[in-house]
Amino acid sequence: MRLRPTQVYVQNELKPFRIPEGFVMVRDTREQKPLFADPPEGLQVITGTLLHGDYSIRGFETKFAIERKQMSDFYVWATT
């Protein structure tokens, strides 16, 4: 069985969106590469200590988490 990474599609533009009033994204203090260099208009991002994940939503830190990964974080193996 041979495992290979799937092709990653990156889109430069986001679909139309509306940030709900009062929505605040929390970025963990240990996150080294921020998701946004310049957050979309209306998105407030604060830095805080998260027990799990790299990102969460203020008020839901114990219920919702996003763990950000890059291709280099995955180990690809193959057998013949």
N, C-alpha and C. Protein backbone atom coordinates (compact mmCIF):
# COMPACT_ATOMS: atom_id res chain seq x y z
N MET A 1 0.85 -1.18 0.00
CA MET A 1 0.00 0.00 0.00
C MET A 1 0.89 1.24 0.00
N ARG A 2 0.54 2.20 -0.80
CA ARG A 2 1.35 3.40 -0.92
C ARG A 2 0.49 4.62 -0.59
N LEU A 3 0.95 5.38 0.37
CA LEU A 3 0.25 6.61 0.75
C LEU A 3 0.95 7.80 0.14
N ARG A 4 0.17 8.67 -0.45
CA ARG A 4 0.72 9.90 -1.02
C ARG A 4 -0.12 11.07 -0.58
N PRO A 5 0.50 12.23 -0.41
CA PRO A 5 -0.29 13.41 -0.04
C PRO A 5 -1.22 13.79 -1.19
N THR A 6 -2.40 14.25 -0.85
CA THR A 6 -3.31 14.73 -1.88
C THR A 6 -2.92 16.13 -2.28
N GLN A 7 -3.32 16.51 -3.46
CA GLN A 7 -3.00 17.86 -3.94
C GLN A 7 -3.78 18.88 -3.11
N VAL A 8 -3.11 19.95 -2.75
CA VAL A 8 -3.73 20.99 -1.93
C VAL A 8 -4.12 22.14 -2.84
N TYR A 9 -5.36 22.55 -2.74
CA TYR A 9 -5.85 23.67 -3.55
C TYR A 9 -5.94 24.90 -2.67
N VAL A 10 -5.31 25.96 -3.09
CA VAL A 10 -5.32 27.21 -2.34
C VAL A 10 -6.00 28.27 -3.19
N GLN A 11 -6.97 28.92 -2.59
CA GLN A 11 -7.67 30.00 -3.27
C GLN A 11 -7.24 31.31 -2.64
N ASN A 12 -6.96 32.28 -3.45
CA ASN A 12 -6.48 33.57 -2.94
C ASN A 12 -7.59 34.45 -2.43
N GLU A 13 -8.82 34.18 -2.81
CA GLU A 13 -9.93 35.02 -2.39
C GLU A 13 -10.92 34.20 -1.57
N LEU A 14 -11.46 34.82 -0.54
CA LEU A 14 -12.47 34.16 0.29
C LEU A 14 -13.85 34.38 -0.32
N LYS A 15 -14.74 33.44 -0.05
CA LYS A 15 -16.14 33.63 -0.44
C LYS A 15 -16.69 34.79 0.36
N PRO A 16 -17.75 35.43 -0.12
CA PRO A 16 -18.36 36.52 0.66
C PRO A 16 -18.73 36.02 2.05
N PHE A 17 -18.48 36.83 3.06
CA PHE A 17 -18.73 36.42 4.44
C PHE A 17 -19.13 37.62 5.27
N ARG A 18 -19.73 37.32 6.42
CA ARG A 18 -20.08 38.38 7.38
C ARG A 18 -19.66 37.86 8.75
N ILE A 19 -18.84 38.63 9.44
CA ILE A 19 -18.40 38.26 10.79
C ILE A 19 -19.51 38.66 11.76
N PRO A 20 -20.00 37.71 12.58
CA PRO A 20 -21.06 38.07 13.54
C PRO A 20 -20.56 39.10 14.55
N GLU A 21 -21.43 39.99 14.95
CA GLU A 21 -21.08 41.01 15.94
C GLU A 21 -20.67 40.33 17.24
N GLY A 22 -19.57 40.75 17.82
CA GLY A 22 -19.09 40.18 19.08
C GLY A 22 -18.22 38.94 18.92
N PHE A 23 -18.03 38.47 17.68
CA PHE A 23 -17.20 37.28 17.43
C PHE A 23 -15.73 37.65 17.62
N VAL A 24 -15.03 36.89 18.45
CA VAL A 24 -13.61 37.14 18.71
C VAL A 24 -12.86 35.83 18.58
N MET A 25 -11.85 35.79 17.73
CA MET A 25 -11.00 34.62 17.57
C MET A 25 -9.84 34.73 18.56
N VAL A 26 -9.52 33.61 19.22
CA VAL A 26 -8.41 33.57 20.18
C VAL A 26 -7.28 32.79 19.55
N ARG A 27 -6.09 33.39 19.50
CA ARG A 27 -4.88 32.73 19.01
C ARG A 27 -4.02 32.36 20.21
N ASP A 28 -3.55 31.12 20.25
CA ASP A 28 -2.73 30.67 21.37
C ASP A 28 -1.41 31.44 21.41
N THR A 29 -0.92 31.68 22.61
CA THR A 29 0.32 32.43 22.79
C THR A 29 1.52 31.71 22.17
N ARG A 30 1.44 30.39 22.01
CA ARG A 30 2.56 29.61 21.46
C ARG A 30 2.52 29.50 19.94
N GLU A 31 1.47 30.00 19.30
CA GLU A 31 1.36 29.93 17.84
C GLU A 31 2.41 30.85 17.23
N GLN A 32 3.31 30.27 16.43
CA GLN A 32 4.43 31.04 15.91
C GLN A 32 4.15 31.73 14.57
N LYS A 33 3.24 31.16 13.78
CA LYS A 33 2.92 31.75 12.48
C LYS A 33 1.44 32.13 12.49
N PRO A 34 1.12 33.39 12.67
CA PRO A 34 -0.29 33.80 12.71
C PRO A 34 -1.04 33.42 11.44
N LEU A 35 -2.29 33.05 11.61
CA LEU A 35 -3.15 32.69 10.49
C LEU A 35 -3.38 33.90 9.59
N PHE A 36 -3.51 35.07 10.19
CA PHE A 36 -3.76 36.29 9.44
C PHE A 36 -2.68 37.31 9.73
N ALA A 37 -2.03 37.81 8.67
CA ALA A 37 -1.13 38.94 8.85
C ALA A 37 -1.98 40.20 9.00
N ASP A 38 -3.07 40.23 8.25
CA ASP A 38 -4.01 41.34 8.29
C ASP A 38 -5.41 40.72 8.30
N PRO A 39 -6.04 40.59 9.49
CA PRO A 39 -7.35 39.92 9.57
C PRO A 39 -8.40 40.61 8.71
N PRO A 40 -9.38 39.84 8.20
CA PRO A 40 -10.46 40.46 7.43
C PRO A 40 -11.19 41.50 8.27
N GLU A 41 -11.77 42.46 7.59
CA GLU A 41 -12.49 43.53 8.28
C GLU A 41 -13.58 42.95 9.19
N GLY A 42 -13.60 43.42 10.42
CA GLY A 42 -14.61 42.97 11.37
C GLY A 42 -14.18 41.80 12.24
N LEU A 43 -13.07 41.15 11.90
CA LEU A 43 -12.60 40.02 12.70
C LEU A 43 -11.61 40.51 13.74
N GLN A 44 -11.95 40.31 14.98
CA GLN A 44 -11.05 40.68 16.07
C GLN A 44 -10.31 39.42 16.51
N VAL A 45 -8.97 39.50 16.54
CA VAL A 45 -8.14 38.38 16.96
C VAL A 45 -7.36 38.81 18.20
N ILE A 46 -7.49 38.04 19.27
CA ILE A 46 -6.74 38.32 20.49
C ILE A 46 -5.82 37.14 20.78
N THR A 47 -4.80 37.37 21.57
CA THR A 47 -3.87 36.32 21.96
C THR A 47 -4.17 35.90 23.38
N GLY A 48 -4.24 34.58 23.59
CA GLY A 48 -4.50 34.04 24.92
C GLY A 48 -3.93 32.65 25.04
N THR A 49 -3.89 32.13 26.23
CA THR A 49 -3.39 30.77 26.45
C THR A 49 -4.52 29.77 26.26
N LEU A 50 -4.34 28.87 25.30
CA LEU A 50 -5.33 27.82 25.05
C LEU A 50 -4.78 26.48 25.52
N LEU A 51 -5.61 25.68 26.16
CA LEU A 51 -5.18 24.35 26.60
C LEU A 51 -5.08 23.39 25.43
N HIS A 52 -5.94 23.58 24.42
CA HIS A 52 -5.96 22.70 23.26
C HIS A 52 -6.05 23.53 21.99
N GLY A 53 -5.28 23.15 20.99
CA GLY A 53 -5.36 23.79 19.69
C GLY A 53 -4.60 25.10 19.59
N ASP A 54 -4.61 25.63 18.37
CA ASP A 54 -3.92 26.88 18.09
C ASP A 54 -4.87 28.07 18.05
N TYR A 55 -6.14 27.80 17.71
CA TYR A 55 -7.14 28.86 17.60
C TYR A 55 -8.45 28.39 18.23
N SER A 56 -9.23 29.33 18.72
CA SER A 56 -10.54 29.03 19.27
C SER A 56 -11.41 30.27 19.14
N ILE A 57 -12.60 30.18 19.71
CA ILE A 57 -13.55 31.29 19.72
C ILE A 57 -13.74 31.70 21.17
N ARG A 58 -13.64 33.01 21.44
CA ARG A 58 -13.79 33.49 22.82
C ARG A 58 -15.14 33.04 23.37
N GLY A 59 -15.07 32.45 24.56
CA GLY A 59 -16.26 31.93 25.21
C GLY A 59 -16.47 30.44 24.96
N PHE A 60 -15.76 29.89 23.97
CA PHE A 60 -15.89 28.47 23.63
C PHE A 60 -14.53 27.76 23.66
N GLU A 61 -13.58 28.33 24.39
CA GLU A 61 -12.21 27.80 24.40
C GLU A 61 -12.14 26.33 24.84
N THR A 62 -13.04 25.89 25.69
CA THR A 62 -13.01 24.48 26.15
C THR A 62 -13.88 23.57 25.28
N LYS A 63 -14.57 24.14 24.30
CA LYS A 63 -15.47 23.35 23.47
C LYS A 63 -15.09 23.31 22.00
N PHE A 64 -14.26 24.25 21.55
CA PHE A 64 -13.93 24.37 20.13
C PHE A 64 -12.46 24.73 19.97
N ALA A 65 -11.77 23.98 19.11
CA ALA A 65 -10.35 24.27 18.87
C ALA A 65 -9.99 23.93 17.43
N ILE A 66 -9.08 24.70 16.88
CA ILE A 66 -8.50 24.41 15.57
C ILE A 66 -7.01 24.20 15.78
N GLU A 67 -6.50 23.07 15.31
CA GLU A 67 -5.07 22.77 15.37
C GLU A 67 -4.55 22.97 13.95
N ARG A 68 -3.72 23.94 13.76
CA ARG A 68 -3.20 24.26 12.44
C ARG A 68 -2.03 23.35 12.11
N LYS A 69 -2.04 22.78 10.90
CA LYS A 69 -0.98 21.89 10.45
C LYS A 69 -0.48 22.32 9.08
N GLN A 70 0.76 21.94 8.78
CA GLN A 70 1.35 22.16 7.47
C GLN A 70 1.73 20.79 6.91
N MET A 71 1.97 20.73 5.62
CA MET A 71 2.35 19.45 5.01
C MET A 71 3.59 18.85 5.68
N SER A 72 4.51 19.69 6.13
CA SER A 72 5.73 19.19 6.75
C SER A 72 5.46 18.52 8.10
N ASP A 73 4.25 18.72 8.67
CA ASP A 73 3.90 18.08 9.94
C ASP A 73 3.50 16.62 9.76
N PHE A 74 3.27 16.20 8.51
CA PHE A 74 2.82 14.84 8.25
C PHE A 74 3.97 13.98 7.75
N TYR A 75 3.96 12.75 8.16
CA TYR A 75 4.98 11.80 7.74
C TYR A 75 4.36 10.93 6.65
N VAL A 76 5.00 10.90 5.50
CA VAL A 76 4.50 10.10 4.39
C VAL A 76 5.37 8.85 4.30
N TRP A 77 4.73 7.70 4.23
CA TRP A 77 5.48 6.45 4.14
C TRP A 77 4.92 5.62 3.01
N ALA A 78 5.74 4.73 2.54
CA ALA A 78 5.32 3.84 1.46
C ALA A 78 5.95 2.47 1.66
N THR A 79 5.21 1.45 1.30
CA THR A 79 5.76 0.09 1.35
C THR A 79 5.69 -0.49 -0.04
N THR A 80 6.57 -1.37 -0.32
CA THR A 80 6.58 -1.98 -1.66
C THR A 80 6.10 -3.40 -1.61
